[in-house]
Amino acid sequence: MPTPRKNNKSTPKVGPNDMGKLPPQAPELEGSVLGALMIEKEAYATVADLLRPESFYKEQNRLVFEAIRALAAKDQPIDILSVAEKLKSQGTLVEAGGALYLSELSRQVASTAHLRYHAQIVSQKATARDLISMAAKIEEQAYDETQDVDELMQQAEAGIFEISQRAQKRDVTQIDPVIEEAFERIRKASKNEGNISGVPSGFHDLDKITSGWQKSDLVIIAARPAMGKTAFVLSMAKNMAVNYNIPVAMFSLEMSNVQLVNRLIMNVCELEGDKIKNGKMTNAEWAQLEHKINELRGAQIYVDDTPSLSVFELRSKARKLVREHKVQLIIIDYLQLMNAQGINFGSREQEISIISRNLKALAKELDIPIIALSQLNRNVESRTGVEGKTPQLSDLRESGAIEQDADMVCFIHRPEYYHLYSDEKTGKDLRGLGQIIVAKHRNGATDSIWLRFRGKYAKFQNEDETFDDNELPPLPQPGDVTIKSKMNNNMSPDGATQDNGDNMPF
């Protein structure tokens, strides 16, 4: 015997409101659409992206569409007889009105010429019902004084976003207008110096690989703790905003705005962090601070230090930044501290998957690059040698989702952090250097470059730029004790105590 159909509890039940108004619906158009699907062979493909069972207000119509969709999924013929048989096998034929109702649906269709237009109306009515249902739920919870208001706002934003994602449909586009847009971008890129078509990082060798950070790209920059992730993106933000006058926004989920700006001041003024914090500086250093800090005044760098930022909050803030300040690049420090509050998940990995997918969608929507910092897992610590300590894509936390959604994945690697001061193969002096590894590049080549890292100023710069040789640690001499990895003694190469936990953002 066929299994009785279970009630779909996820379907919102929207009835008349307090004013006696009926919910948005178009039962005649629902019937017309279903009738067209049963008489026109290719009709289902025309509306498959628009409709779902919940799009139909009448329960009978919902059941009929479920049967049609099940037949289409198995590439079986869709007509009155096959739909009736499918409903019968599901035990819902009587509930769906029987064979007579299916026959009536087919008879009321004069033409399938306007099928997609009718389906769009049905879909829009369903979206309106979803909004009413969600609004009623939020209203009920808002009256509950035990409900946390901030959490309720997150749920409301997540609900609206979920509905908007379901309702967002894009038609197929003939290639000609796309060719014109692509050609125009190529023409503009040809006029830029250095063949840079995107947002320049200010690091010449890196820009040669990427041609600048490209519009609509999601870029993941990952590293182990203390490799200098924040220093790297702050150096880039300074280059973009100060050197190129490009508006940049940075969302810092762990550091406060003042801490972030202090690191920018260290970077630009080349003053050590302790002196910035306690103000114990010589007259010359005060003069240096007062002179160089003017580079940052008026710079189009917008910072946000909202802790535990949700991806839905980010969307609304990012849209406003692009609309009001013409921001051309967004930096997030860092991805694992974000959340998708308002949606329930079975695991943190599923939540990270939603976050990375939404970051990619946001980059496409705003047509700007989004750079998100990410942590690497501990696998790198168990490997030895210069090559062994080099990060790999498999070292990404929740690597499946992040690697899949990212257009580009870059790693930051500083061999001297592991007391590796020279490359055994090339003899290259690795002191004071950071390697930027482009491990995934969806639209270009993978490669790696070297940058100068000046730790006491939290600063990365081009390798060929001048610096003080006295900043480099002395090379170990024969007979000296060399610690191959500092991960077990909590000490960094400069002697500062470090937390080696996975939650350090730098």
Protein backbone atom coordinates (compact mmCIF):
# COMPACT_ATOMS: atom_id res chain seq x y z
CA MET A 1 0.00 0.00 0.00
CA PRO A 2 1.19 3.53 -0.67
CA THR A 3 2.59 5.43 2.28
CA PRO A 4 0.26 8.22 3.49
CA ARG A 5 1.69 11.68 2.94
CA LYS A 6 3.07 13.43 5.99
CA ASN A 7 2.17 17.06 6.55
CA ASN A 8 4.98 19.40 5.56
CA LYS A 9 5.55 21.36 8.79
CA SER A 10 8.08 23.67 7.14
CA THR A 11 5.39 25.19 4.90
CA PRO A 12 4.23 28.49 6.39
CA LYS A 13 0.52 28.54 7.13
CA VAL A 14 -0.71 32.03 6.42
CA GLY A 15 -4.37 32.76 7.02
CA PRO A 16 -6.54 35.87 7.14
CA ASN A 17 -5.10 38.64 9.32
CA ASP A 18 -6.86 40.59 12.05
CA MET A 19 -8.39 42.88 9.44
CA GLY A 20 -9.89 39.91 7.62
CA LYS A 21 -7.50 40.26 4.67
CA LEU A 22 -6.68 37.08 2.80
CA PRO A 23 -2.99 36.30 2.22
CA PRO A 24 -1.55 37.02 -1.26
CA GLN A 25 -2.62 34.28 -3.64
CA ALA A 26 -3.50 33.60 -7.28
CA PRO A 27 -5.35 30.24 -7.38
CA GLU A 28 -6.52 30.67 -10.98
CA LEU A 29 -2.97 31.30 -12.16
CA GLU A 30 -1.75 28.34 -10.09
CA GLY A 31 -4.23 26.13 -11.92
CA SER A 32 -3.25 27.60 -15.27
CA VAL A 33 0.43 26.93 -14.63
CA LEU A 34 -0.18 23.34 -13.53
CA GLY A 35 -2.44 22.70 -16.53
CA ALA A 36 0.23 24.04 -18.88
CA LEU A 37 2.84 21.77 -17.29
CA MET A 38 0.67 18.73 -18.06
CA ILE A 39 -0.05 19.57 -21.71
CA GLU A 40 3.25 21.09 -22.88
CA LYS A 41 6.21 18.71 -23.11
CA GLU A 42 9.00 21.23 -22.35
CA ALA A 43 6.98 23.46 -20.04
CA TYR A 44 8.55 22.32 -16.75
CA ALA A 45 12.03 23.45 -17.80
CA THR A 46 10.61 26.94 -18.39
CA VAL A 47 9.51 27.42 -14.75
CA ALA A 48 11.72 25.01 -12.81
CA ASP A 49 13.91 27.84 -11.46
CA LEU A 50 10.90 29.89 -10.34
CA LEU A 51 8.62 27.46 -8.54
CA ARG A 52 8.75 25.12 -5.57
CA PRO A 53 5.86 23.26 -3.90
CA GLU A 54 5.49 26.04 -1.30
CA SER A 55 4.90 28.52 -4.13
CA PHE A 56 1.33 27.17 -4.43
CA TYR A 57 -1.25 28.45 -1.96
CA LYS A 58 -3.85 25.70 -2.47
CA GLU A 59 -2.86 22.41 -0.91
CA GLN A 60 -4.26 20.51 -3.92
CA ASN A 61 -2.04 22.47 -6.29
CA ARG A 62 0.97 21.96 -4.05
CA LEU A 63 0.51 18.19 -4.19
CA VAL A 64 0.11 18.22 -7.97
CA PHE A 65 3.31 20.23 -8.42
CA GLU A 66 5.23 17.87 -6.11
CA ALA A 67 4.19 14.97 -8.35
CA ILE A 68 5.19 16.90 -11.49
CA ARG A 69 8.56 17.77 -10.00
CA ALA A 70 9.17 14.15 -8.99
CA LEU A 71 8.46 12.99 -12.56
CA ALA A 72 10.75 15.66 -14.02
CA ALA A 73 13.54 14.67 -11.66
CA LYS A 74 13.52 11.18 -13.18
CA ASP A 75 13.07 12.54 -16.74
CA GLN A 76 9.69 10.82 -17.05
CA PRO A 77 6.77 12.07 -19.20
CA ILE A 78 4.52 14.68 -17.58
CA ASP A 79 0.83 14.46 -18.52
CA ILE A 80 -2.52 13.90 -16.82
CA LEU A 81 -2.14 10.12 -16.68
CA SER A 82 1.45 10.06 -15.42
CA VAL A 83 0.75 12.73 -12.78
CA ALA A 84 -2.36 10.86 -11.60
CA GLU A 85 -0.32 7.64 -11.36
CA LYS A 86 2.43 9.41 -9.41
CA LEU A 87 -0.07 10.89 -6.96
CA LYS A 88 -1.67 7.47 -6.56
CA SER A 89 1.72 5.86 -5.80
CA GLN A 90 2.37 8.56 -3.20
CA GLY A 91 -1.02 8.02 -1.60
CA THR A 92 -2.15 11.60 -2.26
CA LEU A 93 -4.39 11.31 -5.32
CA VAL A 94 -7.64 11.82 -3.40
CA GLU A 95 -6.13 14.64 -1.33
CA ALA A 96 -5.06 16.33 -4.59
CA GLY A 97 -8.62 16.29 -5.95
CA GLY A 98 -8.46 13.08 -7.96
CA ALA A 99 -8.19 12.53 -11.69
CA LEU A 100 -11.19 14.81 -12.29
CA TYR A 101 -9.36 17.81 -10.82
CA LEU A 102 -6.30 17.10 -13.00
CA SER A 103 -8.54 17.01 -16.04
CA GLU A 104 -10.12 20.34 -15.08
CA LEU A 105 -6.65 21.93 -14.73
CA SER A 106 -5.74 20.89 -18.25
CA ARG A 107 -9.03 22.06 -19.78
CA GLN A 108 -8.73 25.62 -18.42
CA VAL A 109 -5.45 26.25 -20.30
CA ALA A 110 -5.99 28.06 -23.59
CA SER A 111 -2.30 28.68 -24.32
CA THR A 112 1.12 28.15 -22.75
CA ALA A 113 2.52 31.33 -24.32
CA HIS A 114 2.50 33.26 -21.05
CA LEU A 115 3.52 30.38 -18.80
CA ARG A 116 6.64 31.98 -17.33
CA TYR A 117 4.90 35.28 -16.68
CA HIS A 118 2.11 33.48 -14.82
CA ALA A 119 4.68 31.44 -12.87
CA GLN A 120 6.47 34.64 -11.82
CA ILE A 121 3.22 35.99 -10.36
CA VAL A 122 2.67 32.74 -8.43
CA SER A 123 6.25 32.93 -7.13
CA GLN A 124 5.85 36.57 -6.07
CA LYS A 125 2.66 35.78 -4.16
CA ALA A 126 4.51 33.01 -2.33
CA THR A 127 7.35 35.39 -1.44
CA ALA A 128 4.81 37.85 -0.04
CA ARG A 129 3.31 35.08 2.10
CA ASP A 130 6.76 34.14 3.37
CA LEU A 131 7.37 37.74 4.40
CA ILE A 132 4.01 37.92 6.18
CA SER A 133 4.71 34.66 8.00
CA MET A 134 8.16 35.77 9.08
CA ALA A 135 6.92 39.22 10.14
CA ALA A 136 4.19 37.64 12.27
CA LYS A 137 6.73 35.40 13.96
CA ILE A 138 9.07 38.33 14.66
CA GLU A 139 6.17 40.43 15.96
CA GLU A 140 5.14 37.68 18.38
CA GLN A 141 8.69 37.28 19.67
CA ALA A 142 9.14 41.06 19.96
CA TYR A 143 6.26 41.18 22.46
CA ASP A 144 8.06 38.57 24.58
CA GLU A 145 10.13 40.56 27.09
CA THR A 146 12.33 37.54 27.80
CA GLN A 147 13.54 37.56 24.21
CA ASP A 148 17.00 39.02 23.56
CA VAL A 149 16.44 41.94 21.18
CA ASP A 150 19.87 41.71 19.52
CA GLU A 151 19.33 38.01 18.82
CA LEU A 152 15.85 38.75 17.50
CA MET A 153 17.27 41.33 15.08
CA GLN A 154 19.78 38.75 13.86
CA GLN A 155 16.98 36.25 13.28
CA ALA A 156 14.91 38.84 11.40
CA GLU A 157 17.83 39.78 9.18
CA ALA A 158 18.68 36.13 8.53
CA GLY A 159 15.04 35.39 7.68
CA ILE A 160 14.75 38.24 5.20
CA PHE A 161 18.06 37.28 3.63
CA GLU A 162 16.94 33.66 3.22
CA ILE A 163 13.69 34.77 1.57
CA SER A 164 15.51 37.20 -0.73
CA GLN A 165 17.95 34.48 -1.79
CA ARG A 166 15.07 32.17 -2.72
CA ALA A 167 13.33 34.92 -4.65
CA GLN A 168 16.43 36.14 -6.48
CA LYS A 169 16.40 34.80 -10.03
CA ARG A 170 18.58 35.81 -12.93
CA ASP A 171 17.56 35.23 -16.52
CA VAL A 172 19.88 33.74 -19.09
CA THR A 173 21.77 36.50 -20.92
CA GLN A 174 22.76 36.45 -24.57
CA ILE A 175 26.52 36.81 -24.79
CA ASP A 176 26.79 40.08 -26.76
CA PRO A 177 26.23 42.56 -23.87
CA VAL A 178 28.58 40.50 -21.69
CA ILE A 179 31.25 40.68 -24.39
CA GLU A 180 30.87 44.47 -24.47
CA GLU A 181 31.29 44.70 -20.70
CA ALA A 182 34.33 42.41 -20.76
CA PHE A 183 35.86 44.37 -23.64
CA GLU A 184 35.34 47.66 -21.78
CA ARG A 185 37.11 46.28 -18.71
CA ILE A 186 40.02 45.10 -20.87
CA ARG A 187 40.23 48.53 -22.50
CA LYS A 188 40.33 50.27 -19.11
CA ALA A 189 42.93 47.81 -17.84
CA SER A 190 45.16 48.54 -20.83
CA LYS A 191 45.39 52.17 -19.72
CA ASN A 192 46.56 51.28 -16.21
CA GLU A 193 50.24 51.30 -15.41
CA GLY A 194 51.85 47.93 -14.74
CA ASN A 195 48.99 45.94 -16.32
CA ILE A 196 46.93 46.25 -13.14
CA SER A 197 43.25 45.63 -13.87
CA GLY A 198 42.10 45.32 -10.26
CA VAL A 199 42.80 46.98 -6.92
CA PRO A 200 46.60 47.17 -6.46
CA SER A 201 48.07 45.81 -3.23
CA GLY A 202 51.14 48.03 -3.43
CA PHE A 203 53.37 44.93 -3.47
CA HIS A 204 54.75 44.94 -7.01
CA ASP A 205 55.64 41.25 -7.37
CA LEU A 206 52.27 40.16 -5.95
CA ASP A 207 50.40 42.50 -8.29
CA LYS A 208 52.24 40.93 -11.25
CA ILE A 209 50.66 37.58 -10.34
CA THR A 210 47.17 38.85 -9.52
CA SER A 211 46.98 41.96 -11.77
CA GLY A 212 45.52 43.49 -8.61
CA TRP A 213 42.64 42.11 -6.53
CA GLN A 214 39.83 41.54 -9.03
CA LYS A 215 36.21 42.64 -8.81
CA SER A 216 33.74 40.07 -7.39
CA ASP A 217 36.59 37.84 -6.14
CA LEU A 218 36.67 36.28 -2.68
CA VAL A 219 40.31 36.14 -1.57
CA ILE A 220 41.32 34.06 1.44
CA ILE A 221 44.63 34.95 3.11
CA ALA A 222 45.56 32.26 5.60
CA ALA A 223 48.42 31.59 7.98
CA ARG A 224 49.32 30.12 11.33
CA PRO A 225 49.27 32.43 14.39
CA ALA A 226 52.04 35.08 14.56
CA MET A 227 52.79 34.95 10.81
CA GLY A 228 51.62 38.55 10.35
CA LYS A 229 48.16 38.27 8.74
CA THR A 230 46.90 41.51 10.25
CA ALA A 231 50.20 43.28 9.55
CA PHE A 232 49.96 42.19 5.91
CA VAL A 233 46.42 43.47 5.30
CA LEU A 234 47.09 46.69 7.23
CA SER A 235 50.15 47.29 5.06
CA MET A 236 47.96 46.73 2.01
CA ALA A 237 45.19 48.99 3.34
CA LYS A 238 47.75 51.75 3.88
CA ASN A 239 49.17 51.26 0.36
CA MET A 240 45.72 51.38 -1.22
CA ALA A 241 44.27 54.30 0.73
CA VAL A 242 47.39 56.47 1.07
CA ASN A 243 49.40 55.67 -2.06
CA TYR A 244 46.54 55.04 -4.50
CA ASN A 245 43.66 56.95 -2.85
CA ILE A 246 41.42 53.87 -2.98
CA PRO A 247 38.66 53.66 -0.32
CA VAL A 248 39.07 50.51 1.80
CA ALA A 249 36.97 49.08 4.64
CA MET A 250 38.29 46.77 7.34
CA PHE A 251 36.17 44.74 9.73
CA SER A 252 38.19 43.69 12.78
CA LEU A 253 36.37 41.12 14.88
CA GLU A 254 38.98 40.87 17.64
CA MET A 255 40.94 44.12 17.80
CA SER A 256 39.30 47.42 18.74
CA ASN A 257 39.39 50.39 16.39
CA VAL A 258 42.03 52.09 18.55
CA GLN A 259 44.25 48.96 18.58
CA LEU A 260 43.90 48.68 14.82
CA VAL A 261 44.79 52.33 14.25
CA ASN A 262 47.73 52.02 16.67
CA ARG A 263 49.11 49.28 14.45
CA LEU A 264 48.58 51.50 11.41
CA ILE A 265 50.49 54.27 13.18
CA MET A 266 53.32 51.82 13.95
CA ASN A 267 53.36 50.86 10.28
CA VAL A 268 53.38 54.36 8.82
CA CYS A 269 55.48 56.15 11.45
CA GLU A 270 57.88 53.21 11.96
CA LEU A 271 57.67 53.39 15.73
CA GLU A 272 57.66 50.35 18.00
CA GLY A 273 54.40 49.20 19.54
CA ASP A 274 55.44 49.71 23.16
CA LYS A 275 56.32 53.34 22.49
CA ILE A 276 52.97 53.90 20.79
CA LYS A 277 51.15 52.39 23.77
CA ASN A 278 53.01 54.11 26.62
CA GLY A 279 54.07 57.30 24.84
CA LYS A 280 57.67 57.00 26.13
CA MET A 281 59.39 58.53 23.13
CA THR A 282 62.31 60.84 22.54
CA ASN A 283 61.78 64.30 21.10
CA ALA A 284 62.96 63.02 17.72
CA GLU A 285 60.42 60.18 17.84
CA TRP A 286 57.63 62.59 18.79
CA ALA A 287 58.58 64.74 15.83
CA GLN A 288 58.59 61.67 13.59
CA LEU A 289 55.14 60.68 14.88
CA GLU A 290 53.65 64.14 14.39
CA HIS A 291 55.09 64.40 10.88
CA LYS A 292 54.28 60.95 9.47
CA ILE A 293 50.87 60.56 11.09
CA ASN A 294 49.64 63.22 8.69
CA GLU A 295 49.83 60.55 5.95
CA LEU A 296 46.92 58.79 7.65
CA ARG A 297 44.78 61.86 8.22
CA GLY A 298 42.09 61.98 5.58
CA ALA A 299 42.94 58.48 4.33
CA GLN A 300 39.85 56.63 3.09
CA ILE A 301 40.20 53.71 5.50
CA TYR A 302 36.95 52.78 7.24
CA VAL A 303 37.20 50.51 10.29
CA ASP A 304 34.53 48.54 12.14
CA ASP A 305 35.30 46.62 15.34
CA THR A 306 31.92 44.94 15.91
CA PRO A 307 32.73 41.73 17.87
CA SER A 308 31.22 38.44 16.71
CA LEU A 309 29.99 40.07 13.51
CA SER A 310 27.37 38.06 11.66
CA VAL A 311 27.53 37.64 7.91
CA PHE A 312 24.10 39.29 7.68
CA GLU A 313 25.26 42.39 9.59
CA LEU A 314 28.26 42.52 7.29
CA ARG A 315 26.04 42.55 4.21
CA SER A 316 24.05 45.60 5.32
CA LYS A 317 27.17 47.49 6.47
CA ALA A 318 29.09 46.62 3.30
CA ARG A 319 26.27 47.82 1.06
CA LYS A 320 26.19 51.13 2.93
CA LEU A 321 29.98 51.54 2.69
CA VAL A 322 29.94 50.94 -1.07
CA ARG A 323 26.93 53.19 -1.60
CA GLU A 324 28.01 56.12 0.62
CA HIS A 325 31.82 55.95 0.56
CA LYS A 326 32.51 54.17 -2.76
CA VAL A 327 34.57 51.52 -0.96
CA GLN A 328 36.41 49.37 -3.51
CA LEU A 329 37.73 46.58 -1.27
CA ILE A 330 36.66 45.00 2.03
CA ILE A 331 38.96 43.20 4.48
CA ILE A 332 37.69 40.86 7.22
CA ASP A 333 39.94 39.92 10.14
CA TYR A 334 39.14 37.10 10.49
CA LEU A 335 36.70 34.56 9.03
CA GLN A 336 36.58 32.07 11.93
CA LEU A 337 35.34 34.80 14.31
CA MET A 338 32.28 35.49 12.15
CA ASN A 339 28.94 33.77 12.66
CA ALA A 340 25.68 33.18 10.82
CA GLN A 341 23.47 34.02 13.76
CA GLY A 342 19.78 33.48 13.24
CA ILE A 343 20.19 30.15 11.44
CA ASN A 344 20.57 26.80 13.18
CA PHE A 345 23.46 24.53 12.17
CA GLY A 346 24.44 20.98 12.93
CA SER A 347 28.14 21.86 13.14
CA ARG A 348 30.58 24.75 13.05
CA GLU A 349 31.82 23.47 9.68
CA GLN A 350 28.33 23.95 8.22
CA GLU A 351 28.22 27.48 9.62
CA ILE A 352 31.63 28.32 8.10
CA SER A 353 30.34 26.95 4.79
CA ILE A 354 27.37 29.35 4.90
CA ILE A 355 29.66 32.25 5.84
CA SER A 356 32.15 31.64 3.01
CA ARG A 357 29.35 31.14 0.50
CA ASN A 358 27.72 34.40 1.56
CA LEU A 359 31.02 36.29 1.40
CA LYS A 360 31.43 35.13 -2.20
CA ALA A 361 27.84 36.12 -2.98
CA LEU A 362 28.43 39.55 -1.41
CA ALA A 363 31.59 40.09 -3.48
CA LYS A 364 29.58 39.33 -6.64
CA GLU A 365 26.67 41.53 -5.60
CA LEU A 366 28.85 44.56 -4.75
CA ASP A 367 31.29 43.81 -7.61
CA ILE A 368 34.33 44.40 -5.39
CA PRO A 369 37.02 42.09 -4.02
CA ILE A 370 36.55 40.83 -0.48
CA ILE A 371 39.64 39.66 1.42
CA ALA A 372 39.02 37.42 4.41
CA LEU A 373 41.77 36.29 6.75
CA SER A 374 41.66 32.70 7.92
CA GLN A 375 43.45 30.43 10.34
CA LEU A 376 45.39 27.31 9.38
CA ASN A 377 45.15 24.13 11.42
CA ARG A 378 48.09 22.59 13.32
CA ASN A 379 49.12 20.12 10.61
CA VAL A 380 51.99 22.38 9.56
CA GLU A 381 53.61 22.05 13.01
CA SER A 382 54.15 18.30 12.58
CA ARG A 383 56.18 18.78 9.40
CA THR A 384 59.89 19.64 9.24
CA GLY A 385 62.24 21.66 7.02
CA VAL A 386 61.64 24.76 4.94
CA GLU A 387 59.36 22.93 2.50
CA GLY A 388 57.62 21.00 5.27
CA LYS A 389 56.66 24.17 7.10
CA THR A 390 55.23 25.71 3.93
CA PRO A 391 51.39 25.83 4.20
CA GLN A 392 49.20 23.74 1.92
CA LEU A 393 45.54 23.99 0.93
CA SER A 394 44.75 20.99 3.12
CA ASP A 395 45.94 23.03 6.14
CA LEU A 396 42.95 25.39 5.87
CA ARG A 397 40.47 25.04 8.68
CA GLU A 398 37.12 23.83 7.32
CA SER A 399 39.10 23.68 4.08
CA GLY A 400 36.40 22.09 1.94
CA ALA A 401 33.99 25.02 2.02
CA ILE A 402 36.57 27.81 2.15
CA GLU A 403 38.72 26.42 -0.65
CA GLN A 404 35.69 25.77 -2.84
CA ASP A 405 34.17 29.25 -2.48
CA ALA A 406 37.40 31.25 -2.73
CA ASP A 407 38.59 32.57 -6.08
CA MET A 408 42.08 32.89 -4.64
CA VAL A 409 43.83 31.41 -1.61
CA CYS A 410 47.09 32.96 -0.41
CA PHE A 411 49.31 31.84 2.44
CA ILE A 412 51.71 33.88 4.55
CA HIS A 413 54.82 31.98 5.60
CA ARG A 414 57.82 33.28 7.56
CA PRO A 415 60.49 30.58 7.81
CA GLU A 416 62.49 32.43 10.47
CA TYR A 417 59.54 32.00 12.84
CA TYR A 418 60.52 28.31 12.90
CA HIS A 419 64.23 29.22 13.24
CA LEU A 420 64.83 28.42 9.57
CA TYR A 421 67.19 31.19 8.47
CA SER A 422 68.31 30.05 5.02
CA ASP A 423 67.02 28.01 2.11
CA GLU A 424 69.11 24.85 1.85
CA LYS A 425 68.55 24.62 -1.92
CA THR A 426 69.20 28.21 -2.97
CA GLY A 427 71.17 29.55 -0.01
CA LYS A 428 68.76 32.52 0.19
CA ASP A 429 68.93 34.44 3.47
CA LEU A 430 65.41 34.13 4.90
CA ARG A 431 65.86 36.47 7.85
CA GLY A 432 63.29 39.25 7.89
CA LEU A 433 61.40 37.81 4.92
CA GLY A 434 57.82 36.68 4.51
CA GLN A 435 56.67 34.49 1.66
CA ILE A 436 53.28 35.14 0.06
CA ILE A 437 52.14 31.94 -1.63
CA VAL A 438 49.31 32.06 -4.16
CA ALA A 439 48.12 28.47 -3.75
CA LYS A 440 44.83 28.76 -5.63
CA HIS A 441 44.07 31.22 -8.41
CA ARG A 442 40.86 30.51 -10.27
CA ASN A 443 41.59 33.01 -13.04
CA GLY A 444 45.38 32.96 -13.23
CA ALA A 445 48.65 31.33 -12.32
CA THR A 446 49.86 30.18 -8.91
CA ASP A 447 53.24 31.35 -7.69
CA SER A 448 54.97 32.82 -4.65
CA ILE A 449 56.82 36.04 -3.88
CA TRP A 450 58.97 37.38 -1.04
CA LEU A 451 58.28 40.51 0.97
CA ARG A 452 60.31 42.25 3.65
CA PHE A 453 58.74 41.78 7.11
CA ARG A 454 59.56 44.34 9.80
CA GLY A 455 57.97 42.83 12.87
CA LYS A 456 58.55 45.63 15.34
CA TYR A 457 56.59 47.97 13.07
CA ALA A 458 53.92 45.38 12.10
CA LYS A 459 54.84 46.10 8.50
CA PHE A 460 55.32 44.27 5.21
CA GLN A 461 57.06 46.03 2.32
CA ASN A 462 58.55 45.18 -1.06
CA GLU A 463 61.72 43.13 -0.77
CA ASP A 464 63.81 45.71 -2.62
CA GLU A 465 62.79 48.62 -0.35
CA THR A 466 65.41 49.95 2.05
CA PHE A 467 65.45 48.91 5.69
CA ASP A 468 67.80 48.85 8.67
CA ASP A 469 70.13 45.82 8.51
CA ASN A 470 70.39 45.94 12.30
CA GLU A 471 66.79 44.70 12.50
CA LEU A 472 67.85 41.23 11.33
CA PRO A 473 68.66 38.60 13.97
CA PRO A 474 72.26 37.27 13.83
CA LEU A 475 72.77 34.00 11.98
CA PRO A 476 73.38 31.03 14.32
CA GLN A 477 77.06 30.12 14.64
CA PRO A 478 78.52 26.58 14.73
CA GLY A 479 78.03 25.16 18.18
CA ASP A 480 75.03 27.37 18.96
CA VAL A 481 71.89 25.62 20.15
CA THR A 482 69.22 25.90 17.44
CA ILE A 483 65.58 25.28 18.22
CA LYS A 484 63.97 23.96 15.07
CA SER A 485 60.48 24.92 16.13
CA LYS A 486 59.32 27.34 18.78
CA MET A 487 55.88 25.79 18.97
CA ASN A 488 56.62 23.88 22.14
CA ASN A 489 58.29 26.64 24.14
CA ASN A 490 55.85 29.55 23.57
CA MET A 491 58.70 31.88 22.59
CA SER A 492 58.95 33.77 19.33
CA PRO A 493 62.28 34.33 17.55
CA ASP A 494 62.62 37.79 19.11
CA GLY A 495 62.15 36.36 22.60
CA ALA A 496 58.59 37.58 23.14
CA THR A 497 56.16 35.19 24.77
CA GLN A 498 53.46 34.04 22.36
CA ASP A 499 50.19 32.18 22.71
CA ASN A 500 50.44 29.27 20.30
CA GLY A 501 46.70 28.62 20.30
CA ASP A 502 44.61 28.54 17.19
CA ASN A 503 42.73 31.71 18.07
CA MET A 504 45.60 34.20 17.69
CA PRO A 505 44.76 36.47 14.76
CA PHE A 506 48.21 37.74 13.83
